[in-house]
Amino acid sequence: MFRRLAPADPPGRFSEGLLQVPGGQDMTLTFAATVVDASGKAAETGCYVIGADMKLRRSSDAAAEKAVREKAATKQDFQVDDASVIMTDKKGKRYRLPKGPDALSRSPRRPGRAASARS
């Protein structure tokens, strides 16, 4: 019924993307997806919307996809040392979190992929 999480460095093609709650009362979630080929290059992109009925539908709204990619773009807003990931909140309080397996810190197929925390 459920599959495990994907490995940190998946073999072959995989999908990744950005999520955004557009706001308003329509209860939707927009997903700007990218399919990555086995060499690590973006092979195709698309935009999907999940409505209140929880059905995923492909959208041809290029402006919505562009808005998600711009507004939900990630940046690295944390520091990393040999043992930890260090996050600082808006009040300046630092949190030191243990690092996981090395594969989570690097991916030869997707170098430079940033991550961020949002509040």
Protein backbone atom coordinates (compact mmCIF):
# COMPACT_ATOMS: atom_id res chain seq x y z
CA MET A 1 0.00 0.00 0.00
CA PHE A 2 2.81 2.44 0.86
CA ARG A 3 6.32 2.63 -0.52
CA ARG A 4 9.38 3.63 1.44
CA LEU A 5 11.05 6.98 0.91
CA ALA A 6 13.29 7.31 -2.12
CA PRO A 7 17.03 6.89 -1.54
CA ALA A 8 19.16 10.03 -1.22
CA ASP A 9 20.79 9.36 -4.58
CA PRO A 10 18.17 7.50 -6.62
CA PRO A 11 19.21 5.47 -9.66
CA GLY A 12 17.63 6.33 -13.01
CA ARG A 13 14.93 8.94 -13.56
CA PHE A 14 13.18 10.63 -10.67
CA SER A 15 10.88 13.57 -9.98
CA GLU A 16 11.44 16.54 -7.73
CA GLY A 17 9.62 19.78 -7.35
CA LEU A 18 8.37 22.75 -5.39
CA LEU A 19 5.07 23.06 -3.53
CA GLN A 20 3.08 26.21 -2.90
CA VAL A 21 -0.24 26.98 -1.28
CA PRO A 22 -1.53 29.77 -3.54
CA GLY A 23 -3.81 31.21 -0.87
CA GLY A 24 -7.44 32.12 -1.01
CA GLN A 25 -10.40 29.91 -0.23
CA ASP A 26 -10.08 27.39 -3.07
CA MET A 27 -8.11 24.86 -0.96
CA THR A 28 -5.50 24.06 -3.62
CA LEU A 29 -1.86 23.08 -3.60
CA THR A 30 0.33 23.75 -6.65
CA PHE A 31 3.27 21.47 -7.50
CA ALA A 32 5.91 22.57 -10.04
CA ALA A 33 7.50 19.26 -11.01
CA THR A 34 10.79 18.46 -12.72
CA VAL A 35 11.63 15.02 -14.08
CA VAL A 36 15.39 14.42 -13.82
CA ASP A 37 17.03 11.92 -16.18
CA ALA A 38 19.71 9.39 -15.23
CA SER A 39 22.50 11.89 -15.98
CA GLY A 40 21.06 14.44 -13.53
CA LYS A 41 19.65 16.85 -16.11
CA ALA A 42 16.10 18.18 -16.13
CA ALA A 43 14.28 16.17 -18.80
CA GLU A 44 10.83 17.73 -18.52
CA THR A 45 8.79 20.03 -16.32
CA GLY A 46 5.13 20.41 -15.52
CA CYS A 47 2.64 21.99 -13.19
CA TYR A 48 0.05 20.10 -11.16
CA VAL A 49 -2.76 21.20 -8.88
CA ILE A 50 -4.28 19.24 -6.01
CA GLY A 51 -7.74 20.47 -5.13
CA ALA A 52 -9.96 20.01 -2.08
CA ASP A 53 -11.10 16.72 -3.65
CA MET A 54 -7.46 15.48 -3.30
CA LYS A 55 -7.19 14.70 -7.03
CA LEU A 56 -3.97 15.58 -8.81
CA ARG A 57 -4.51 17.30 -12.15
CA ARG A 58 -1.99 18.52 -14.69
CA SER A 59 -2.26 22.25 -15.33
CA SER A 60 -1.35 24.08 -18.51
CA ASP A 61 -1.11 27.40 -16.64
CA ALA A 62 2.47 28.47 -17.44
CA ALA A 63 2.11 31.61 -15.31
CA ALA A 64 1.16 29.53 -12.25
CA GLU A 65 4.16 27.23 -12.76
CA LYS A 66 6.49 30.21 -13.14
CA ALA A 67 5.07 31.81 -9.98
CA VAL A 68 5.65 28.64 -7.94
CA ARG A 69 9.21 28.27 -9.23
CA GLU A 70 9.98 31.90 -8.33
CA LYS A 71 8.14 32.17 -4.98
CA ALA A 72 9.04 28.73 -3.64
CA ALA A 73 12.64 28.67 -4.91
CA THR A 74 15.02 27.32 -2.30
CA LYS A 75 18.21 28.81 -0.99
CA GLN A 76 20.66 27.36 1.48
CA ASP A 77 19.80 29.12 4.74
CA PHE A 78 21.77 26.89 7.08
CA GLN A 79 25.40 26.04 7.80
CA VAL A 80 27.07 22.65 7.84
CA ASP A 81 30.12 21.44 9.77
CA ASP A 82 31.66 17.96 10.04
CA ALA A 83 28.96 16.61 12.36
CA SER A 84 25.98 18.95 12.25
CA VAL A 85 23.57 21.10 10.35
CA ILE A 86 23.24 24.46 12.09
CA MET A 87 20.04 26.44 11.71
CA THR A 88 19.40 29.91 13.08
CA ASP A 89 15.83 31.12 13.60
CA LYS A 90 14.57 34.67 13.04
CA LYS A 91 15.34 35.57 16.67
CA GLY A 92 18.96 34.44 16.32
CA LYS A 93 18.62 31.19 18.29
CA ARG A 94 20.87 28.47 16.87
CA TYR A 95 19.90 24.82 16.58
CA ARG A 96 22.48 22.12 15.97
CA LEU A 97 21.01 19.04 14.27
CA PRO A 98 22.93 15.80 13.67
CA LYS A 99 23.86 15.03 10.08
CA GLY A 100 22.54 11.91 8.42
CA PRO A 101 24.29 9.66 5.90
CA ASP A 102 26.80 11.32 3.55
CA ALA A 103 24.52 10.65 0.56
CA LEU A 104 22.06 13.18 1.97
CA SER A 105 24.73 15.90 1.85
CA ARG A 106 25.77 15.41 -1.73
CA SER A 107 24.45 13.98 -4.92
CA PRO A 108 26.77 13.54 -7.88
CA ARG A 109 23.74 13.75 -10.15
CA ARG A 110 22.36 17.00 -8.71
CA PRO A 111 25.33 19.04 -7.42
CA GLY A 112 24.61 22.31 -5.70
CA ARG A 113 20.98 21.55 -4.89
CA ALA A 114 20.01 23.92 -2.13
CA ALA A 115 17.50 23.36 0.61
CA SER A 116 15.81 25.73 2.96
CA ALA A 117 13.55 25.93 5.96
CA ARG A 118 10.41 28.01 5.85
CA SER A 119 8.28 29.30 8.67
